[in-house]
Amino acid sequence: MSQNIEKRLNKFISDSGYCSRREADKLIEQSRVKINGKVPELGTKVQPGDEVFVDGKRINKIAANKSDRIYIAYNKPIGITCTTERNVYGNIIDAIKHKERIFPIGRLDKPSEGLIFLTSDGDIVNKILRAENAHDKEYRVTVDQPLSERFVERMQRGVPILDTITKPCIVKVESRFVFTIILTQGLNRQIRRMCEYLGYEVTRLQRTRIMNVTLNNLKAGQWRNLSEQEMNDINKAVAGSSKTAVNTTLPKSQQSSADANQAKLSRQNQSSDSSSYYGKVEKPAPQPKKVFINKNAKTTSLNKSVSTNKPKLSLKRK
């Protein structure tokens, strides 16, 4: 049987629209997948005529022209969690209530809001998520203190977080506490960590654009199908993309230590970021303490006794 018609099991499942390729790997590891009645291993290839089942449900092959695929844009409100796990309260699947099985492309933190894609096409998920593919994502960010020139310069140049330096990005100041930032990376809690490192706290974070798609008049909690033109532009943008996504989420065992180290660094940097972008708010430099010595003061009896009681060194040989 020719190799070109074989397909890896995780790709076969993701192409069917059941879930993403990463989620398919988890299902295989959990022995929830069967091929012709047998539990396969990771990396198993599906041959023509094979029957694939997940949790007892048969998985069908993708249509050749992907005409059965779903692509939607959703304005995620604060409090919704980007997970397909239905047992999680406030999960994004229950929030949208779509009649077909879909899953999010990437993630948006629970306390964040804004644009996120959902689809039934597992193949396009990995192409969009690849950081090196340089797909723009734009955010509008509000912080807890006035922006400074140093803050903007450091954010644009790159900030050390999660054992790496963030890639150069575009930052534009909108007002005293608000700026926009365009990223091509997707590190875990990237913007919040970058701000924390520089001594700022994010009070609001909204994603306003992914590639060529913007929120426009889409209200929080609403979703719409991506237009044919939008999908054509996306497909052109990802045409040469790698298909394997990078997992930028730290293991839970490492997240707490990373957060602690970052908090320590942010405290060290916060003290040096005192000039405000709007109207120079500077803290006065601490004045050296003056110490007055009375040279005319008489030596007290206590001082005499102390000095007379000091042992004398002798250089004579015994």
C-alpha atoms as a PDB file:
ATOM      1  CA  MET A   1       0.000   0.000   0.000  1.00  0.00           C
ATOM      2  CA  SER A   2       1.518   3.347  -0.987  1.00  0.00           C
ATOM      3  CA  GLN A   3       2.773   5.615   1.756  1.00  0.00           C
ATOM      4  CA  ASN A   4       1.191   8.768   0.339  1.00  0.00           C
ATOM      5  CA  ILE A   5      -2.323   7.656   1.265  1.00  0.00           C
ATOM      6  CA  GLU A   6      -1.467   6.814   4.862  1.00  0.00           C
ATOM      7  CA  LYS A   7      -2.188   9.385   7.527  1.00  0.00           C
ATOM      8  CA  ARG A   8      -1.013   9.703  11.106  1.00  0.00           C
ATOM      9  CA  LEU A   9      -3.758   8.937  13.602  1.00  0.00           C
ATOM     10  CA  ASN A  10      -3.712  12.306  15.381  1.00  0.00           C
ATOM     11  CA  LYS A  11      -3.945  14.144  12.053  1.00  0.00           C
ATOM     12  CA  PHE A  12      -6.760  11.854  10.866  1.00  0.00           C
ATOM     13  CA  ILE A  13      -8.764  12.703  14.010  1.00  0.00           C
ATOM     14  CA  SER A  14      -8.045  16.449  13.857  1.00  0.00           C
ATOM     15  CA  ASP A  15      -8.827  16.613  10.132  1.00  0.00           C
ATOM     16  CA  SER A  16     -12.200  15.037  10.849  1.00  0.00           C
ATOM     17  CA  GLY A  17     -13.078  18.050  12.994  1.00  0.00           C
ATOM     18  CA  TYR A  18     -13.349  16.066  16.203  1.00  0.00           C
ATOM     19  CA  CYS A  19     -10.607  18.009  18.015  1.00  0.00           C
ATOM     20  CA  SER A  20      -7.176  19.562  17.550  1.00  0.00           C
ATOM     21  CA  ARG A  21      -4.120  17.407  16.914  1.00  0.00           C
ATOM     22  CA  ARG A  22      -2.803  18.068  20.410  1.00  0.00           C
ATOM     23  CA  GLU A  23      -6.100  16.970  21.931  1.00  0.00           C
ATOM     24  CA  ALA A  24      -6.065  13.892  19.698  1.00  0.00           C
ATOM     25  CA  ASP A  25      -2.686  12.915  21.156  1.00  0.00           C
ATOM     26  CA  LYS A  26      -4.183  13.128  24.641  1.00  0.00           C
ATOM     27  CA  LEU A  27      -7.091  10.900  23.595  1.00  0.00           C
ATOM     28  CA  ILE A  28      -4.668   8.324  22.189  1.00  0.00           C
ATOM     29  CA  GLU A  29      -2.563   8.392  25.367  1.00  0.00           C
ATOM     30  CA  GLN A  30      -5.714   7.850  27.424  1.00  0.00           C
ATOM     31  CA  SER A  31      -6.597   4.763  25.315  1.00  0.00           C
ATOM     32  CA  ARG A  32      -9.875   6.345  24.237  1.00  0.00           C
ATOM     33  CA  VAL A  33      -9.120   5.719  20.546  1.00  0.00           C
ATOM     34  CA  LYS A  34      -9.445   2.441  18.684  1.00  0.00           C
ATOM     35  CA  ILE A  35      -8.536   1.387  15.146  1.00  0.00           C
ATOM     36  CA  ASN A  36     -10.441  -1.652  13.937  1.00  0.00           C
ATOM     37  CA  GLY A  37     -11.287  -2.483  17.537  1.00  0.00           C
ATOM     38  CA  LYS A  38      -7.707  -2.288  18.850  1.00  0.00           C
ATOM     39  CA  VAL A  39      -6.076   0.396  21.013  1.00  0.00           C
ATOM     40  CA  PRO A  40      -3.236   2.010  18.983  1.00  0.00           C
ATOM     41  CA  GLU A  41      -0.033   3.753  20.038  1.00  0.00           C
ATOM     42  CA  LEU A  42       1.038   7.344  19.372  1.00  0.00           C
ATOM     43  CA  GLY A  43       2.352   7.661  15.836  1.00  0.00           C
ATOM     44  CA  THR A  44       0.168   4.895  14.420  1.00  0.00           C
ATOM     45  CA  LYS A  45      -0.862   5.496  10.807  1.00  0.00           C
ATOM     46  CA  VAL A  46      -4.390   5.045   9.502  1.00  0.00           C
ATOM     47  CA  GLN A  47      -4.656   2.951   6.351  1.00  0.00           C
ATOM     48  CA  PRO A  48      -7.460   3.183   3.763  1.00  0.00           C
ATOM     49  CA  GLY A  49     -10.370   1.090   4.955  1.00  0.00           C
ATOM     50  CA  ASP A  50      -9.443   1.383   8.648  1.00  0.00           C
ATOM     51  CA  GLU A  51     -12.249   2.242  11.058  1.00  0.00           C
ATOM     52  CA  VAL A  52     -11.365   4.781  13.732  1.00  0.00           C
ATOM     53  CA  PHE A  53     -13.454   5.285  16.871  1.00  0.00           C
ATOM     54  CA  VAL A  54     -13.157   7.774  19.752  1.00  0.00           C
ATOM     55  CA  ASP A  55     -15.130   6.878  22.863  1.00  0.00           C
ATOM     56  CA  GLY A  56     -17.166   4.480  20.712  1.00  0.00           C
ATOM     57  CA  LYS A  57     -18.034   7.132  18.113  1.00  0.00           C
ATOM     58  CA  ARG A  58     -16.847   6.546  14.547  1.00  0.00           C
ATOM     59  CA  ILE A  59     -14.609   9.232  13.059  1.00  0.00           C
ATOM     60  CA  ASN A  60     -15.241  10.019   9.416  1.00  0.00           C
ATOM     61  CA  LYS A  61     -12.699  11.270   6.892  1.00  0.00           C
ATOM     62  CA  ILE A  62     -12.589  14.944   6.006  1.00  0.00           C
ATOM     63  CA  ALA A  63     -14.293  16.128   2.826  1.00  0.00           C
ATOM     64  CA  ALA A  64     -11.784  16.682   0.025  1.00  0.00           C
ATOM     65  CA  ASN A  65     -12.697  20.384  -0.371  1.00  0.00           C
ATOM     66  CA  LYS A  66     -13.253  21.004   3.381  1.00  0.00           C
ATOM     67  CA  SER A  67     -16.734  22.231   2.571  1.00  0.00           C
ATOM     68  CA  ASP A  68     -17.996  20.726   5.821  1.00  0.00           C
ATOM     69  CA  ARG A  69     -15.540  22.728   7.970  1.00  0.00           C
ATOM     70  CA  ILE A  70     -16.663  25.515  10.328  1.00  0.00           C
ATOM     71  CA  TYR A  71     -14.730  28.751  10.971  1.00  0.00           C
ATOM     72  CA  ILE A  72     -16.117  31.357  13.346  1.00  0.00           C
ATOM     73  CA  ALA A  73     -14.956  34.542  15.120  1.00  0.00           C
ATOM     74  CA  TYR A  74     -16.051  34.964  18.729  1.00  0.00           C
ATOM     75  CA  ASN A  75     -15.795  37.975  21.032  1.00  0.00           C
ATOM     76  CA  LYS A  76     -14.957  36.177  24.275  1.00  0.00           C
ATOM     77  CA  PRO A  77     -16.203  37.936  27.410  1.00  0.00           C
ATOM     78  CA  ILE A  78     -14.240  38.039  30.663  1.00  0.00           C
ATOM     79  CA  GLY A  79     -14.817  34.903  32.733  1.00  0.00           C
ATOM     80  CA  ILE A  80     -15.099  32.410  29.856  1.00  0.00           C
ATOM     81  CA  THR A  81     -12.462  29.662  29.836  1.00  0.00           C
ATOM     82  CA  CYS A  82     -10.963  28.539  26.505  1.00  0.00           C
ATOM     83  CA  THR A  83     -11.349  24.798  26.999  1.00  0.00           C
ATOM     84  CA  THR A  84     -13.377  22.072  25.370  1.00  0.00           C
ATOM     85  CA  GLU A  85     -13.810  20.302  28.719  1.00  0.00           C
ATOM     86  CA  ARG A  86     -17.560  20.484  29.321  1.00  0.00           C
ATOM     87  CA  ASN A  87     -17.163  19.831  33.044  1.00  0.00           C
ATOM     88  CA  VAL A  88     -15.378  23.190  33.454  1.00  0.00           C
ATOM     89  CA  TYR A  89     -17.829  25.917  34.479  1.00  0.00           C
ATOM     90  CA  GLY A  90     -17.972  28.739  31.930  1.00  0.00           C
ATOM     91  CA  ASN A  91     -16.206  26.766  29.167  1.00  0.00           C
ATOM     92  CA  ILE A  92     -16.171  28.345  25.727  1.00  0.00           C
ATOM     93  CA  ILE A  93     -18.110  25.497  24.062  1.00  0.00           C
ATOM     94  CA  ASP A  94     -21.147  25.896  26.329  1.00  0.00           C
ATOM     95  CA  ALA A  95     -20.920  29.683  25.975  1.00  0.00           C
ATOM     96  CA  ILE A  96     -21.206  29.561  22.164  1.00  0.00           C
ATOM     97  CA  LYS A  97     -23.718  26.685  21.987  1.00  0.00           C
ATOM     98  CA  HIS A  98     -22.806  25.788  18.397  1.00  0.00           C
ATOM     99  CA  LYS A  99     -24.646  22.766  17.002  1.00  0.00           C
ATOM    100  CA  GLU A 100     -21.440  21.301  15.524  1.00  0.00           C
ATOM    101  CA  ARG A 101     -18.338  20.105  17.358  1.00  0.00           C
ATOM    102  CA  ILE A 102     -15.798  22.954  17.349  1.00  0.00           C
ATOM    103  CA  PHE A 103     -12.726  23.917  19.350  1.00  0.00           C
ATOM    104  CA  PRO A 104     -10.759  27.151  19.901  1.00  0.00           C
ATOM    105  CA  ILE A 105      -7.648  28.094  17.951  1.00  0.00           C
ATOM    106  CA  GLY A 106      -5.225  29.073  20.680  1.00  0.00           C
ATOM    107  CA  ARG A 107      -6.332  30.555  23.959  1.00  0.00           C
ATOM    108  CA  LEU A 108      -7.308  33.775  25.674  1.00  0.00           C
ATOM    109  CA  ASP A 109      -6.942  33.960  29.458  1.00  0.00           C
ATOM    110  CA  LYS A 110     -10.082  33.796  31.594  1.00  0.00           C
ATOM    111  CA  PRO A 111      -9.659  37.412  32.835  1.00  0.00           C
ATOM    112  CA  SER A 112      -9.006  38.607  29.251  1.00  0.00           C
ATOM    113  CA  GLU A 113     -11.527  39.369  26.521  1.00  0.00           C
ATOM    114  CA  GLY A 114     -11.748  39.790  22.784  1.00  0.00           C
ATOM    115  CA  LEU A 115     -11.313  37.979  19.498  1.00  0.00           C
ATOM    116  CA  ILE A 116     -10.691  34.246  19.240  1.00  0.00           C
ATOM    117  CA  PHE A 117     -11.260  31.793  16.377  1.00  0.00           C
ATOM    118  CA  LEU A 118     -13.059  28.474  16.712  1.00  0.00           C
ATOM    119  CA  THR A 119     -13.171  25.796  14.054  1.00  0.00           C
ATOM    120  CA  SER A 120     -13.792  22.161  13.229  1.00  0.00           C
ATOM    121  CA  ASP A 121     -10.686  22.094  11.001  1.00  0.00           C
ATOM    122  CA  GLY A 122      -7.813  20.676  13.037  1.00  0.00           C
ATOM    123  CA  ASP A 123      -5.318  21.177  10.224  1.00  0.00           C
ATOM    124  CA  ILE A 124      -5.538  24.969  10.192  1.00  0.00           C
ATOM    125  CA  VAL A 125      -5.214  25.243  13.974  1.00  0.00           C
ATOM    126  CA  ASN A 126      -1.534  24.305  14.069  1.00  0.00           C
ATOM    127  CA  LYS A 127      -0.669  26.501  11.087  1.00  0.00           C
ATOM    128  CA  ILE A 128      -2.098  29.612  12.738  1.00  0.00           C
ATOM    129  CA  LEU A 129      -0.561  28.882  16.142  1.00  0.00           C
ATOM    130  CA  ARG A 130       3.016  28.577  14.944  1.00  0.00           C
ATOM    131  CA  ALA A 131       4.856  31.580  16.387  1.00  0.00           C
ATOM    132  CA  GLU A 132       7.529  31.600  13.665  1.00  0.00           C
ATOM    133  CA  ASN A 133       4.829  32.038  11.028  1.00  0.00           C
ATOM    134  CA  ALA A 134       4.571  35.672  12.225  1.00  0.00           C
ATOM    135  CA  HIS A 135       0.780  35.945  12.219  1.00  0.00           C
ATOM    136  CA  ASP A 136      -0.152  39.279  13.822  1.00  0.00           C
ATOM    137  CA  LYS A 137      -2.327  39.465  16.910  1.00  0.00           C
ATOM    138  CA  GLU A 138      -3.224  42.914  18.218  1.00  0.00           C
ATOM    139  CA  TYR A 139      -4.263  43.765  21.780  1.00  0.00           C
ATOM    140  CA  ARG A 140      -5.525  46.833  23.646  1.00  0.00           C
ATOM    141  CA  VAL A 141      -4.085  46.920  27.146  1.00  0.00           C
ATOM    142  CA  THR A 142      -4.869  49.037  30.219  1.00  0.00           C
ATOM    143  CA  VAL A 143      -2.385  49.168  33.100  1.00  0.00           C
ATOM    144  CA  ASP A 144      -2.481  50.424  36.689  1.00  0.00           C
ATOM    145  CA  GLN A 145      -0.058  53.367  36.409  1.00  0.00           C
ATOM    146  CA  PRO A 146       1.025  56.023  33.886  1.00  0.00           C
ATOM    147  CA  LEU A 147       3.025  54.711  30.951  1.00  0.00           C
ATOM    148  CA  SER A 148       6.672  55.711  30.690  1.00  0.00           C
ATOM    149  CA  GLU A 149       9.039  56.040  27.761  1.00  0.00           C
ATOM    150  CA  ARG A 150      11.230  53.341  29.273  1.00  0.00           C
ATOM    151  CA  PHE A 151       8.256  50.973  29.544  1.00  0.00           C
ATOM    152  CA  VAL A 152       7.351  51.396  25.854  1.00  0.00           C
ATOM    153  CA  GLU A 153      10.973  51.011  24.748  1.00  0.00           C
ATOM    154  CA  ARG A 154      11.517  47.863  26.833  1.00  0.00           C
ATOM    155  CA  MET A 155       8.260  46.248  25.703  1.00  0.00           C
ATOM    156  CA  GLN A 156       9.159  46.828  22.054  1.00  0.00           C
ATOM    157  CA  ARG A 157      12.737  45.625  22.433  1.00  0.00           C
ATOM    158  CA  GLY A 158      11.928  42.415  24.315  1.00  0.00           C
ATOM    159  CA  VAL A 159      11.479  41.306  27.920  1.00  0.00           C
ATOM    160  CA  PRO A 160      12.970  38.244  29.673  1.00  0.00           C
ATOM    161  CA  ILE A 161      10.131  35.914  30.683  1.00  0.00           C
ATOM    162  CA  LEU A 162       9.744  32.129  30.833  1.00  0.00           C
ATOM    163  CA  ASP A 163      13.466  31.549  30.261  1.00  0.00           C
ATOM    164  CA  THR A 164      13.491  33.431  26.961  1.00  0.00           C
ATOM    165  CA  ILE A 165      13.469  36.970  25.552  1.00  0.00           C
ATOM    166  CA  THR A 166      10.237  38.031  23.889  1.00  0.00           C
ATOM    167  CA  LYS A 167      10.471  38.917  20.222  1.00  0.00           C
ATOM    168  CA  PRO A 168      10.467  42.593  19.174  1.00  0.00           C
ATOM    169  CA  CYS A 169       6.936  43.944  18.863  1.00  0.00           C
ATOM    170  CA  ILE A 170       5.040  47.138  18.078  1.00  0.00           C
ATOM    171  CA  VAL A 171       3.706  49.224  20.981  1.00  0.00           C
ATOM    172  CA  LYS A 172       1.666  52.411  20.534  1.00  0.00           C
ATOM    173  CA  VAL A 173       0.455  54.634  23.377  1.00  0.00           C
ATOM    174  CA  GLU A 174      -3.235  55.535  23.218  1.00  0.00           C
ATOM    175  CA  SER A 175      -3.600  57.411  26.492  1.00  0.00           C
ATOM    176  CA  ARG A 176      -1.981  57.759  29.893  1.00  0.00           C
ATOM    177  CA  PHE A 177      -2.820  54.200  30.975  1.00  0.00           C
ATOM    178  CA  VAL A 178      -3.697  52.491  27.644  1.00  0.00           C
ATOM    179  CA  PHE A 179      -1.522  51.128  24.847  1.00  0.00           C
ATOM    180  CA  THR A 180      -1.858  48.737  21.900  1.00  0.00           C
ATOM    181  CA  ILE A 181       0.608  45.958  21.204  1.00  0.00           C
ATOM    182  CA  ILE A 182       1.059  43.717  18.145  1.00  0.00           C
ATOM    183  CA  LEU A 183       2.597  40.295  18.815  1.00  0.00           C
ATOM    184  CA  THR A 184       3.672  37.429  16.617  1.00  0.00           C
ATOM    185  CA  GLN A 185       4.332  35.183  19.631  1.00  0.00           C
ATOM    186  CA  GLY A 186       1.924  33.277  21.832  1.00  0.00           C
ATOM    187  CA  LEU A 187       3.750  32.653  25.100  1.00  0.00           C
ATOM    188  CA  ASN A 188       1.707  31.754  28.165  1.00  0.00           C
ATOM    189  CA  ARG A 189       0.222  34.964  29.663  1.00  0.00           C
ATOM    190  CA  GLN A 190       2.803  36.867  27.630  1.00  0.00           C
ATOM    191  CA  ILE A 191       1.530  40.446  27.894  1.00  0.00           C
ATOM    192  CA  ARG A 192       0.708  40.160  31.590  1.00  0.00           C
ATOM    193  CA  ARG A 193       4.135  38.674  32.337  1.00  0.00           C
ATOM    194  CA  MET A 194       5.907  41.360  30.287  1.00  0.00           C
ATOM    195  CA  CYS A 195       4.091  44.127  32.153  1.00  0.00           C
ATOM    196  CA  GLU A 196       4.700  42.474  35.527  1.00  0.00           C
ATOM    197  CA  TYR A 197       8.420  42.281  34.815  1.00  0.00           C
ATOM    198  CA  LEU A 198       8.478  46.052  34.263  1.00  0.00           C
ATOM    199  CA  GLY A 199       6.489  46.747  37.435  1.00  0.00           C
ATOM    200  CA  TYR A 200       3.056  47.247  35.871  1.00  0.00           C
ATOM    201  CA  GLU A 201      -0.185  45.362  36.439  1.00  0.00           C
ATOM    202  CA  VAL A 202      -2.660  44.759  33.612  1.00  0.00           C
ATOM    203  CA  THR A 203      -6.172  45.828  34.608  1.00  0.00           C
ATOM    204  CA  ARG A 204      -7.787  45.100  31.236  1.00  0.00           C
ATOM    205  CA  LEU A 205      -6.642  43.115  28.210  1.00  0.00           C
ATOM    206  CA  GLN A 206      -8.621  42.855  24.980  1.00  0.00           C
ATOM    207  CA  ARG A 207      -7.565  41.142  21.751  1.00  0.00           C
ATOM    208  CA  THR A 208      -8.850  43.255  18.874  1.00  0.00           C
ATOM    209  CA  ARG A 209      -7.347  41.580  15.793  1.00  0.00           C
ATOM    210  CA  ILE A 210      -6.002  38.246  14.544  1.00  0.00           C
ATOM    211  CA  MET A 211      -4.259  38.499  11.176  1.00  0.00           C
ATOM    212  CA  ASN A 212      -6.799  40.176   8.865  1.00  0.00           C
ATOM    213  CA  VAL A 213      -9.862  39.686  11.104  1.00  0.00           C
ATOM    214  CA  THR A 214     -10.981  42.362  13.584  1.00  0.00           C
ATOM    215  CA  LEU A 215     -13.744  42.620  16.161  1.00  0.00           C
ATOM    216  CA  ASN A 216     -15.484  45.470  14.343  1.00  0.00           C
ATOM    217  CA  ASN A 217     -19.020  45.678  15.790  1.00  0.00           C
ATOM    218  CA  LEU A 218     -19.023  42.192  17.302  1.00  0.00           C
ATOM    219  CA  LYS A 219     -20.272  42.622  20.872  1.00  0.00           C
ATOM    220  CA  ALA A 220     -18.993  40.620  23.836  1.00  0.00           C
ATOM    221  CA  GLY A 221     -20.507  37.137  23.783  1.00  0.00           C
ATOM    222  CA  GLN A 222     -21.433  37.284  20.086  1.00  0.00           C
ATOM    223  CA  TRP A 223     -19.947  35.192  17.277  1.00  0.00           C
ATOM    224  CA  ARG A 224     -20.137  35.114  13.474  1.00  0.00           C
ATOM    225  CA  ASN A 225     -18.952  32.918  10.633  1.00  0.00           C
ATOM    226  CA  LEU A 226     -15.778  34.081   8.958  1.00  0.00           C
ATOM    227  CA  SER A 227     -16.458  35.425   5.479  1.00  0.00           C
ATOM    228  CA  GLU A 228     -15.209  33.778   2.311  1.00  0.00           C
ATOM    229  CA  GLN A 229     -12.774  36.654   1.752  1.00  0.00           C
ATOM    230  CA  GLU A 230     -11.437  36.394   5.295  1.00  0.00           C
ATOM    231  CA  MET A 231     -10.873  32.657   4.868  1.00  0.00           C
ATOM    232  CA  ASN A 232      -9.148  33.174   1.511  1.00  0.00           C
ATOM    233  CA  ASP A 233      -6.769  35.665   3.129  1.00  0.00           C
ATOM    234  CA  ILE A 234      -6.094  33.328   6.068  1.00  0.00           C
ATOM    235  CA  ASN A 235      -5.430  30.349   3.812  1.00  0.00           C
ATOM    236  CA  LYS A 236      -2.982  32.420   1.754  1.00  0.00           C
ATOM    237  CA  ALA A 237      -1.210  33.576   4.921  1.00  0.00           C
ATOM    238  CA  VAL A 238      -0.779  30.037   6.262  1.00  0.00           C
ATOM    239  CA  ALA A 239      -0.099  28.358   2.916  1.00  0.00           C
ATOM    240  CA  GLY A 240       3.588  27.810   3.698  1.00  0.00           C
ATOM    241  CA  SER A 241       3.152  27.298   7.424  1.00  0.00           C
ATOM    242  CA  SER A 242       4.460  24.408   9.414  1.00  0.00           C
ATOM    243  CA  LYS A 243       1.700  22.160  10.709  1.00  0.00           C
ATOM    244  CA  THR A 244       3.082  21.345  14.145  1.00  0.00           C
ATOM    245  CA  ALA A 245       2.146  23.723  16.916  1.00  0.00           C
ATOM    246  CA  VAL A 246       4.396  24.615  19.791  1.00  0.00           C
ATOM    247  CA  ASN A 247       3.063  24.172  23.314  1.00  0.00           C
ATOM    248  CA  THR A 248       3.957  27.380  25.158  1.00  0.00           C
ATOM    249  CA  THR A 249       2.182  26.461  28.391  1.00  0.00           C
ATOM    250  CA  LEU A 250       4.461  25.682  31.310  1.00  0.00           C
ATOM    251  CA  PRO A 251       3.789  22.574  33.364  1.00  0.00           C
ATOM    252  CA  LYS A 252       1.892  23.420  36.563  1.00  0.00           C
ATOM    253  CA  SER A 253       4.892  22.383  38.662  1.00  0.00           C
ATOM    254  CA  GLN A 254       6.985  25.100  36.985  1.00  0.00           C
ATOM    255  CA  GLN A 255       4.405  27.867  36.754  1.00  0.00           C
ATOM    256  CA  SER A 256       4.541  28.877  40.431  1.00  0.00           C
ATOM    257  CA  SER A 257       8.349  29.135  40.486  1.00  0.00           C
ATOM    258  CA  ALA A 258       8.352  31.078  37.218  1.00  0.00           C
ATOM    259  CA  ASP A 259       5.779  33.509  38.593  1.00  0.00           C
ATOM    260  CA  ALA A 260       7.793  33.948  41.804  1.00  0.00           C
ATOM    261  CA  ASN A 261      11.014  34.678  39.917  1.00  0.00           C
ATOM    262  CA  GLN A 262       9.216  37.101  37.646  1.00  0.00           C
ATOM    263  CA  ALA A 263       7.654  38.936  40.589  1.00  0.00           C
ATOM    264  CA  LYS A 264      11.104  39.339  42.145  1.00  0.00           C
ATOM    265  CA  LEU A 265      12.526  40.745  38.917  1.00  0.00           C
ATOM    266  CA  SER A 266       9.570  43.098  38.483  1.00  0.00           C
ATOM    267  CA  ARG A 267      10.138  44.573  41.948  1.00  0.00           C
ATOM    268  CA  GLN A 268      13.769  45.223  41.061  1.00  0.00           C
ATOM    269  CA  ASN A 269      12.797  46.956  37.826  1.00  0.00           C
ATOM    270  CA  GLN A 270       9.868  48.928  39.222  1.00  0.00           C
ATOM    271  CA  SER A 271      12.051  51.286  41.262  1.00  0.00           C
ATOM    272  CA  SER A 272      13.980  52.400  38.164  1.00  0.00           C
ATOM    273  CA  ASP A 273      10.846  53.217  36.126  1.00  0.00           C
ATOM    274  CA  SER A 274       9.800  56.492  37.748  1.00  0.00           C
ATOM    275  CA  SER A 275       9.510  58.909  34.811  1.00  0.00           C
ATOM    276  CA  SER A 276       5.961  59.151  33.447  1.00  0.00           C
ATOM    277  CA  TYR A 277       5.208  59.194  29.740  1.00  0.00           C
ATOM    278  CA  TYR A 278       2.717  61.972  30.426  1.00  0.00           C
ATOM    279  CA  GLY A 279       4.051  64.772  32.543  1.00  0.00           C
ATOM    280  CA  LYS A 280       7.237  63.433  34.195  1.00  0.00           C
ATOM    281  CA  VAL A 281       6.261  62.100  37.577  1.00  0.00           C
ATOM    282  CA  GLU A 282       9.568  61.762  39.378  1.00  0.00           C
ATOM    283  CA  LYS A 283      10.255  60.645  42.915  1.00  0.00           C
ATOM    284  CA  PRO A 284      12.759  62.849  44.810  1.00  0.00           C
ATOM    285  CA  ALA A 285      16.150  61.262  45.267  1.00  0.00           C
ATOM    286  CA  PRO A 286      16.838  60.228  48.860  1.00  0.00           C
ATOM    287  CA  GLN A 287      19.071  62.740  50.690  1.00  0.00           C
ATOM    288  CA  PRO A 288      22.154  61.439  52.517  1.00  0.00           C
ATOM    289  CA  LYS A 289      21.884  61.559  56.273  1.00  0.00           C
ATOM    290  CA  LYS A 290      24.070  64.174  57.939  1.00  0.00           C
ATOM    291  CA  VAL A 291      26.099  63.108  60.966  1.00  0.00           C
ATOM    292  CA  PHE A 292      27.329  65.864  63.293  1.00  0.00           C
ATOM    293  CA  ILE A 293      30.433  65.237  65.403  1.00  0.00           C
ATOM    294  CA  ASN A 294      31.307  67.529  68.303  1.00  0.00           C
ATOM    295  CA  LYS A 295      35.061  67.765  68.162  1.00  0.00           C
ATOM    296  CA  ASN A 296      35.182  69.818  71.350  1.00  0.00           C
ATOM    297  CA  ALA A 297      33.380  67.220  73.438  1.00  0.00           C
ATOM    298  CA  LYS A 298      35.411  65.915  76.386  1.00  0.00           C
ATOM    299  CA  THR A 299      36.184  62.257  76.614  1.00  0.00           C
ATOM    300  CA  THR A 300      33.983  60.633  79.223  1.00  0.00           C
ATOM    301  CA  SER A 301      35.238  58.456  82.017  1.00  0.00           C
ATOM    302  CA  LEU A 302      33.573  55.507  80.329  1.00  0.00           C
ATOM    303  CA  ASN A 303      35.591  56.106  77.184  1.00  0.00           C
ATOM    304  CA  LYS A 304      38.741  56.398  79.267  1.00  0.00           C
ATOM    305  CA  SER A 305      38.056  53.156  81.011  1.00  0.00           C
ATOM    306  CA  VAL A 306      37.404  51.447  77.757  1.00  0.00           C
ATOM    307  CA  SER A 307      40.585  52.727  76.209  1.00  0.00           C
ATOM    308  CA  THR A 308      42.727  51.898  79.277  1.00  0.00           C
ATOM    309  CA  ASN A 309      41.358  48.381  79.451  1.00  0.00           C
ATOM    310  CA  LYS A 310      42.444  47.524  75.935  1.00  0.00           C
ATOM    311  CA  PRO A 311      45.228  44.901  75.907  1.00  0.00           C
ATOM    312  CA  LYS A 312      48.641  46.167  74.878  1.00  0.00           C
ATOM    313  CA  LEU A 313      50.682  44.279  72.383  1.00  0.00           C
ATOM    314  CA  SER A 314      54.303  43.562  73.218  1.00  0.00           C
ATOM    315  CA  LEU A 315      56.962  42.900  70.658  1.00  0.00           C
ATOM    316  CA  LYS A 316      59.552  41.683  73.244  1.00  0.00           C
ATOM    317  CA  ARG A 317      60.675  38.109  73.097  1.00  0.00           C
ATOM    318  CA  LYS A 318      59.924  35.985  76.130  1.00  0.00           C
END
